[in-house]
Amino acid sequence: MKIIRLGNNKGFTLLEILIAITVFSVGLLGMATLTAVIIRGNLASEKLTTATTLAQDQVEKIIGVGYSGTPTSDTTTTEDYNSITNYSSYKRVTFTQVDNPAEGMKKITISVYWDSDAHSVVLRTILVPK
């Protein structure tokens, strides 16, 4: 009579396969969540970089026209949403304060907003006469 030993069977049991599938699924779900968070972070970084660039461009324009080319009294200029070419989802506000922080100086504050004013970047510079 031949004896069959069950312990020598090679392969996986159904329970082992189910546990492996569960562990694998949890890992994939974690990776999918991480991917979504990374994509949202990259989008936020892109918007922040664009807003900073728009503010810096405005600072450079103001420096280009010089002290005498800027307003002689406190002034606010607003470029509303849909008015900045190629950047319709951004709003830029330029505020000029004369005699601030000292007499004869002009403090320029540029604010760029996006996501319906939910986020913003602010750059400041001071102009003095030459």
N, C-alpha and C. Protein backbone atom coordinates (compact mmCIF):
# COMPACT_ATOMS: atom_id res chain seq x y z
N MET A 1 0.83 -1.15 0.00
CA MET A 1 0.00 0.00 0.00
C MET A 1 0.90 1.25 0.00
N LYS A 2 0.54 2.23 -0.78
CA LYS A 2 1.31 3.45 -0.93
C LYS A 2 0.73 4.53 -0.02
N ILE A 3 1.65 5.24 0.73
CA ILE A 3 1.21 6.29 1.64
C ILE A 3 1.45 7.64 0.96
N ILE A 4 0.43 8.45 0.98
CA ILE A 4 0.52 9.80 0.39
C ILE A 4 0.72 10.80 1.52
N ARG A 5 1.78 11.55 1.42
CA ARG A 5 2.05 12.56 2.43
C ARG A 5 1.56 13.92 1.92
N LEU A 6 0.67 14.50 2.66
CA LEU A 6 0.10 15.78 2.26
C LEU A 6 1.06 16.94 2.47
N GLY A 7 2.00 16.82 3.37
CA GLY A 7 2.94 17.89 3.69
C GLY A 7 3.92 18.19 2.56
N ASN A 8 4.06 17.34 1.61
CA ASN A 8 5.01 17.55 0.52
C ASN A 8 4.40 18.27 -0.67
N ASN A 9 3.14 18.61 -0.59
CA ASN A 9 2.49 19.30 -1.72
C ASN A 9 3.10 20.68 -1.89
N LYS A 10 3.39 21.02 -3.10
CA LYS A 10 3.94 22.33 -3.40
C LYS A 10 2.82 23.21 -3.94
N GLY A 11 2.87 24.53 -3.57
CA GLY A 11 1.85 25.46 -4.02
C GLY A 11 1.33 26.27 -2.84
N PHE A 12 0.31 27.05 -3.10
CA PHE A 12 -0.26 27.93 -2.09
C PHE A 12 -1.69 27.51 -1.79
N THR A 13 -2.07 27.76 -0.56
CA THR A 13 -3.46 27.48 -0.20
C THR A 13 -4.30 28.69 -0.58
N LEU A 14 -5.59 28.50 -0.61
CA LEU A 14 -6.51 29.58 -0.94
C LEU A 14 -6.39 30.72 0.09
N LEU A 15 -6.22 30.39 1.35
CA LEU A 15 -6.08 31.38 2.39
C LEU A 15 -4.82 32.22 2.19
N GLU A 16 -3.71 31.61 1.83
CA GLU A 16 -2.47 32.34 1.58
C GLU A 16 -2.63 33.30 0.40
N ILE A 17 -3.30 32.87 -0.62
CA ILE A 17 -3.53 33.71 -1.80
C ILE A 17 -4.41 34.90 -1.44
N LEU A 18 -5.46 34.69 -0.65
CA LEU A 18 -6.34 35.78 -0.24
C LEU A 18 -5.60 36.80 0.61
N ILE A 19 -4.75 36.35 1.52
CA ILE A 19 -3.97 37.26 2.36
C ILE A 19 -3.00 38.07 1.49
N ALA A 20 -2.35 37.42 0.54
CA ALA A 20 -1.41 38.13 -0.34
C ALA A 20 -2.13 39.18 -1.18
N ILE A 21 -3.31 38.85 -1.69
CA ILE A 21 -4.09 39.81 -2.49
C ILE A 21 -4.50 41.00 -1.63
N THR A 22 -4.89 40.75 -0.38
CA THR A 22 -5.29 41.83 0.52
C THR A 22 -4.11 42.76 0.81
N VAL A 23 -2.97 42.20 1.12
CA VAL A 23 -1.78 43.01 1.40
C VAL A 23 -1.40 43.82 0.15
N PHE A 24 -1.43 43.21 -1.00
CA PHE A 24 -1.11 43.88 -2.25
C PHE A 24 -2.09 45.02 -2.53
N SER A 25 -3.38 44.78 -2.28
CA SER A 25 -4.41 45.80 -2.51
C SER A 25 -4.23 47.00 -1.59
N VAL A 26 -3.92 46.76 -0.34
CA VAL A 26 -3.69 47.86 0.61
C VAL A 26 -2.48 48.69 0.15
N GLY A 27 -1.44 48.05 -0.31
CA GLY A 27 -0.27 48.76 -0.81
C GLY A 27 -0.60 49.60 -2.03
N LEU A 28 -1.37 49.06 -2.97
CA LEU A 28 -1.75 49.81 -4.16
C LEU A 28 -2.65 50.99 -3.82
N LEU A 29 -3.54 50.80 -2.86
CA LEU A 29 -4.41 51.89 -2.44
C LEU A 29 -3.59 53.02 -1.82
N GLY A 30 -2.61 52.68 -1.03
CA GLY A 30 -1.71 53.69 -0.45
C GLY A 30 -0.94 54.44 -1.53
N MET A 31 -0.47 53.73 -2.52
CA MET A 31 0.26 54.35 -3.63
C MET A 31 -0.65 55.28 -4.42
N ALA A 32 -1.90 54.90 -4.65
CA ALA A 32 -2.84 55.74 -5.39
C ALA A 32 -3.12 57.03 -4.62
N THR A 33 -3.29 56.93 -3.32
CA THR A 33 -3.52 58.11 -2.49
C THR A 33 -2.30 59.04 -2.52
N LEU A 34 -1.14 58.48 -2.40
CA LEU A 34 0.10 59.26 -2.45
C LEU A 34 0.24 59.97 -3.79
N THR A 35 -0.08 59.30 -4.86
CA THR A 35 0.00 59.90 -6.20
C THR A 35 -0.94 61.09 -6.31
N ALA A 36 -2.16 60.95 -5.80
CA ALA A 36 -3.12 62.06 -5.85
C ALA A 36 -2.62 63.26 -5.05
N VAL A 37 -2.03 63.02 -3.89
CA VAL A 37 -1.50 64.11 -3.06
C VAL A 37 -0.35 64.81 -3.78
N ILE A 38 0.51 64.06 -4.41
CA ILE A 38 1.65 64.63 -5.15
C ILE A 38 1.16 65.49 -6.31
N ILE A 39 0.15 65.02 -7.02
CA ILE A 39 -0.38 65.79 -8.15
C ILE A 39 -0.98 67.11 -7.67
N ARG A 40 -1.73 67.08 -6.57
CA ARG A 40 -2.30 68.32 -6.02
C ARG A 40 -1.19 69.28 -5.57
N GLY A 41 -0.15 68.74 -4.96
CA GLY A 41 0.97 69.57 -4.53
C GLY A 41 1.68 70.22 -5.70
N ASN A 42 1.86 69.48 -6.78
CA ASN A 42 2.51 70.03 -7.97
C ASN A 42 1.66 71.14 -8.59
N LEU A 43 0.35 70.97 -8.61
CA LEU A 43 -0.53 71.99 -9.15
C LEU A 43 -0.47 73.26 -8.31
N ALA A 44 -0.48 73.11 -6.99
CA ALA A 44 -0.37 74.27 -6.09
C ALA A 44 0.97 74.98 -6.29
N SER A 45 2.04 74.22 -6.46
CA SER A 45 3.36 74.82 -6.69
C SER A 45 3.41 75.58 -8.01
N GLU A 46 2.77 75.03 -9.02
CA GLU A 46 2.74 75.69 -10.33
C GLU A 46 2.00 77.03 -10.23
N LYS A 47 0.87 77.05 -9.52
CA LYS A 47 0.11 78.29 -9.37
C LYS A 47 0.90 79.33 -8.57
N LEU A 48 1.58 78.90 -7.53
CA LEU A 48 2.39 79.81 -6.72
C LEU A 48 3.53 80.39 -7.54
N THR A 49 4.18 79.56 -8.33
CA THR A 49 5.29 80.02 -9.18
C THR A 49 4.79 81.02 -10.22
N THR A 50 3.64 80.75 -10.82
CA THR A 50 3.08 81.66 -11.82
C THR A 50 2.73 83.00 -11.18
N ALA A 51 2.11 82.98 -10.00
CA ALA A 51 1.75 84.22 -9.32
C ALA A 51 2.99 85.02 -8.95
N THR A 52 4.02 84.35 -8.48
CA THR A 52 5.26 85.04 -8.13
C THR A 52 5.89 85.67 -9.36
N THR A 53 5.87 84.97 -10.47
CA THR A 53 6.42 85.49 -11.72
C THR A 53 5.64 86.71 -12.20
N LEU A 54 4.30 86.67 -12.08
CA LEU A 54 3.48 87.82 -12.47
C LEU A 54 3.78 89.04 -11.59
N ALA A 55 3.98 88.81 -10.31
CA ALA A 55 4.32 89.91 -9.40
C ALA A 55 5.71 90.46 -9.73
N GLN A 56 6.66 89.59 -9.97
CA GLN A 56 8.02 90.02 -10.30
C GLN A 56 8.06 90.79 -11.62
N ASP A 57 7.26 90.35 -12.60
CA ASP A 57 7.19 91.08 -13.87
C ASP A 57 6.71 92.51 -13.65
N GLN A 58 5.72 92.67 -12.77
CA GLN A 58 5.20 94.01 -12.48
C GLN A 58 6.26 94.87 -11.77
N VAL A 59 7.00 94.27 -10.85
CA VAL A 59 8.08 95.00 -10.16
C VAL A 59 9.11 95.47 -11.20
N GLU A 60 9.46 94.62 -12.12
CA GLU A 60 10.44 94.99 -13.14
C GLU A 60 9.93 96.10 -14.05
N LYS A 61 8.63 96.07 -14.39
CA LYS A 61 8.05 97.15 -15.20
C LYS A 61 8.13 98.48 -14.45
N ILE A 62 7.81 98.45 -13.17
CA ILE A 62 7.83 99.68 -12.36
C ILE A 62 9.26 100.21 -12.24
N ILE A 63 10.20 99.34 -12.00
CA ILE A 63 11.60 99.76 -11.91
C ILE A 63 12.06 100.31 -13.26
N GLY A 64 11.54 99.73 -14.34
CA GLY A 64 11.90 100.19 -15.69
C GLY A 64 11.44 101.61 -15.97
N VAL A 65 10.25 101.99 -15.49
CA VAL A 65 9.78 103.36 -15.73
C VAL A 65 10.40 104.34 -14.74
N GLY A 66 10.95 103.83 -13.66
CA GLY A 66 11.67 104.66 -12.71
C GLY A 66 10.77 105.44 -11.76
N TYR A 67 11.42 106.15 -10.87
CA TYR A 67 10.73 106.91 -9.82
C TYR A 67 9.77 107.93 -10.42
N SER A 68 10.25 108.67 -11.43
CA SER A 68 9.42 109.73 -12.01
C SER A 68 8.25 109.18 -12.82
N GLY A 69 8.31 107.94 -13.25
CA GLY A 69 7.23 107.36 -14.04
C GLY A 69 6.13 106.73 -13.21
N THR A 70 6.29 106.73 -11.90
CA THR A 70 5.26 106.15 -11.02
C THR A 70 4.35 107.26 -10.50
N PRO A 71 3.18 106.91 -10.00
CA PRO A 71 2.22 107.92 -9.52
C PRO A 71 2.81 108.82 -8.44
N THR A 72 2.30 110.04 -8.39
CA THR A 72 2.78 111.02 -7.42
C THR A 72 1.89 111.09 -6.17
N SER A 73 0.85 110.27 -6.14
CA SER A 73 -0.01 110.18 -4.95
C SER A 73 -0.35 108.71 -4.73
N ASP A 74 -0.88 108.41 -3.55
CA ASP A 74 -1.25 107.02 -3.25
C ASP A 74 -2.26 106.53 -4.29
N THR A 75 -1.92 105.42 -4.92
CA THR A 75 -2.73 104.91 -6.02
C THR A 75 -2.82 103.39 -5.95
N THR A 76 -3.99 102.86 -6.31
CA THR A 76 -4.17 101.42 -6.43
C THR A 76 -4.62 101.11 -7.85
N THR A 77 -3.92 100.19 -8.51
CA THR A 77 -4.28 99.75 -9.85
C THR A 77 -4.59 98.27 -9.79
N THR A 78 -5.76 97.89 -10.30
CA THR A 78 -6.18 96.49 -10.26
C THR A 78 -6.34 95.94 -11.67
N GLU A 79 -5.66 94.83 -11.92
CA GLU A 79 -5.87 94.08 -13.16
C GLU A 79 -6.69 92.87 -12.76
N ASP A 80 -7.98 92.92 -13.03
CA ASP A 80 -8.90 91.90 -12.55
C ASP A 80 -8.72 90.57 -13.27
N TYR A 81 -9.42 89.57 -12.76
CA TYR A 81 -9.41 88.26 -13.42
C TYR A 81 -9.82 88.45 -14.88
N ASN A 82 -9.25 87.66 -15.77
CA ASN A 82 -9.48 87.69 -17.21
C ASN A 82 -8.88 88.93 -17.89
N SER A 83 -8.10 89.75 -17.19
CA SER A 83 -7.53 90.92 -17.85
C SER A 83 -6.02 90.80 -18.10
N ILE A 84 -5.35 89.84 -17.46
CA ILE A 84 -3.93 89.63 -17.70
C ILE A 84 -3.79 88.62 -18.84
N THR A 85 -3.16 89.03 -19.92
CA THR A 85 -3.04 88.18 -21.10
C THR A 85 -2.40 86.84 -20.75
N ASN A 86 -3.04 85.77 -21.16
CA ASN A 86 -2.60 84.38 -20.95
C ASN A 86 -2.70 83.90 -19.50
N TYR A 87 -3.18 84.73 -18.60
CA TYR A 87 -3.28 84.34 -17.19
C TYR A 87 -4.64 84.79 -16.63
N SER A 88 -5.69 84.27 -17.21
CA SER A 88 -7.04 84.71 -16.87
C SER A 88 -7.46 84.33 -15.45
N SER A 89 -6.80 83.39 -14.84
CA SER A 89 -7.22 82.96 -13.50
C SER A 89 -6.44 83.67 -12.40
N TYR A 90 -5.78 84.78 -12.74
CA TYR A 90 -5.01 85.56 -11.77
C TYR A 90 -5.48 87.01 -11.77
N LYS A 91 -5.38 87.65 -10.60
CA LYS A 91 -5.69 89.07 -10.45
C LYS A 91 -4.46 89.74 -9.83
N ARG A 92 -4.08 90.92 -10.37
CA ARG A 92 -2.89 91.61 -9.87
C ARG A 92 -3.28 93.02 -9.40
N VAL A 93 -2.89 93.36 -8.19
CA VAL A 93 -3.17 94.67 -7.60
C VAL A 93 -1.85 95.34 -7.27
N THR A 94 -1.67 96.55 -7.80
CA THR A 94 -0.46 97.32 -7.54
C THR A 94 -0.84 98.55 -6.71
N PHE A 95 -0.24 98.66 -5.53
CA PHE A 95 -0.53 99.77 -4.62
C PHE A 95 0.73 100.59 -4.43
N THR A 96 0.63 101.88 -4.75
CA THR A 96 1.76 102.80 -4.61
C THR A 96 1.48 103.73 -3.44
N GLN A 97 2.41 103.79 -2.50
CA GLN A 97 2.32 104.71 -1.36
C GLN A 97 3.46 105.73 -1.48
N VAL A 98 3.10 106.99 -1.53
CA VAL A 98 4.09 108.07 -1.66
C VAL A 98 4.51 108.52 -0.26
N ASP A 99 5.77 108.88 -0.12
CA ASP A 99 6.37 109.31 1.16
C ASP A 99 6.29 108.21 2.22
N ASN A 100 6.46 106.99 1.79
CA ASN A 100 6.45 105.85 2.70
C ASN A 100 7.60 104.94 2.29
N PRO A 101 8.48 104.55 3.11
CA PRO A 101 8.57 104.68 4.55
C PRO A 101 9.13 106.03 5.03
N ALA A 102 9.64 106.84 4.11
CA ALA A 102 10.15 108.16 4.49
C ALA A 102 9.82 109.14 3.37
N GLU A 103 9.94 110.41 3.67
CA GLU A 103 9.61 111.43 2.68
C GLU A 103 10.49 111.27 1.44
N GLY A 104 9.84 111.38 0.28
CA GLY A 104 10.55 111.26 -0.99
C GLY A 104 10.65 109.84 -1.51
N MET A 105 10.26 108.86 -0.72
CA MET A 105 10.30 107.46 -1.15
C MET A 105 8.92 107.00 -1.58
N LYS A 106 8.89 105.98 -2.41
CA LYS A 106 7.62 105.38 -2.83
C LYS A 106 7.68 103.88 -2.55
N LYS A 107 6.71 103.43 -1.79
CA LYS A 107 6.63 101.99 -1.49
C LYS A 107 5.61 101.38 -2.45
N ILE A 108 6.06 100.39 -3.20
CA ILE A 108 5.20 99.71 -4.18
C ILE A 108 4.91 98.32 -3.65
N THR A 109 3.62 97.97 -3.56
CA THR A 109 3.20 96.64 -3.12
C THR A 109 2.40 96.00 -4.25
N ILE A 110 2.86 94.85 -4.72
CA ILE A 110 2.17 94.11 -5.77
C ILE A 110 1.62 92.82 -5.17
N SER A 111 0.32 92.64 -5.29
CA SER A 111 -0.34 91.43 -4.80
C SER A 111 -0.95 90.70 -5.98
N VAL A 112 -0.70 89.41 -6.07
CA VAL A 112 -1.29 88.59 -7.12
C VAL A 112 -2.16 87.53 -6.44
N TYR A 113 -3.42 87.46 -6.88
CA TYR A 113 -4.40 86.54 -6.29
C TYR A 113 -4.81 85.48 -7.31
N TRP A 114 -5.19 84.31 -6.80
CA TRP A 114 -5.75 83.27 -7.66
C TRP A 114 -6.73 82.44 -6.84
N ASP A 115 -7.47 81.58 -7.51
CA ASP A 115 -8.53 80.77 -6.88
C ASP A 115 -9.54 81.66 -6.16
N SER A 116 -10.05 82.67 -6.88
CA SER A 116 -11.06 83.59 -6.35
C SER A 116 -10.59 84.26 -5.06
N ASP A 117 -9.37 84.73 -5.05
CA ASP A 117 -8.75 85.43 -3.92
C ASP A 117 -8.48 84.53 -2.71
N ALA A 118 -8.54 83.21 -2.89
CA ALA A 118 -8.26 82.30 -1.78
C ALA A 118 -6.76 82.24 -1.47
N HIS A 119 -5.93 82.52 -2.47
CA HIS A 119 -4.48 82.47 -2.30
C HIS A 119 -3.87 83.74 -2.87
N SER A 120 -2.71 84.13 -2.34
CA SER A 120 -2.07 85.33 -2.88
C SER A 120 -0.56 85.30 -2.63
N VAL A 121 0.13 86.13 -3.42
CA VAL A 121 1.56 86.37 -3.27
C VAL A 121 1.72 87.88 -3.22
N VAL A 122 2.57 88.37 -2.33
CA VAL A 122 2.79 89.81 -2.20
C VAL A 122 4.29 90.10 -2.31
N LEU A 123 4.64 91.04 -3.19
CA LEU A 123 6.02 91.52 -3.32
C LEU A 123 6.02 93.02 -3.06
N ARG A 124 7.06 93.51 -2.40
CA ARG A 124 7.17 94.93 -2.11
C ARG A 124 8.55 95.44 -2.56
N THR A 125 8.57 96.68 -2.97
CA THR A 125 9.82 97.34 -3.31
C THR A 125 9.71 98.82 -2.95
N ILE A 126 10.82 99.47 -2.78
CA ILE A 126 10.85 100.89 -2.46
C ILE A 126 11.65 101.61 -3.53
N LEU A 127 11.07 102.69 -4.05
CA LEU A 127 11.74 103.51 -5.05
C LEU A 127 12.20 104.81 -4.42
N VAL A 128 13.38 105.25 -4.80
CA VAL A 128 13.90 106.54 -4.33
C VAL A 128 14.33 107.33 -5.56
N PRO A 129 14.25 108.66 -5.48
CA PRO A 129 14.69 109.46 -6.65
C PRO A 129 16.20 109.38 -6.80
N LYS A 130 16.65 109.47 -8.03
CA LYS A 130 18.09 109.41 -8.29
C LYS A 130 18.70 110.77 -8.24
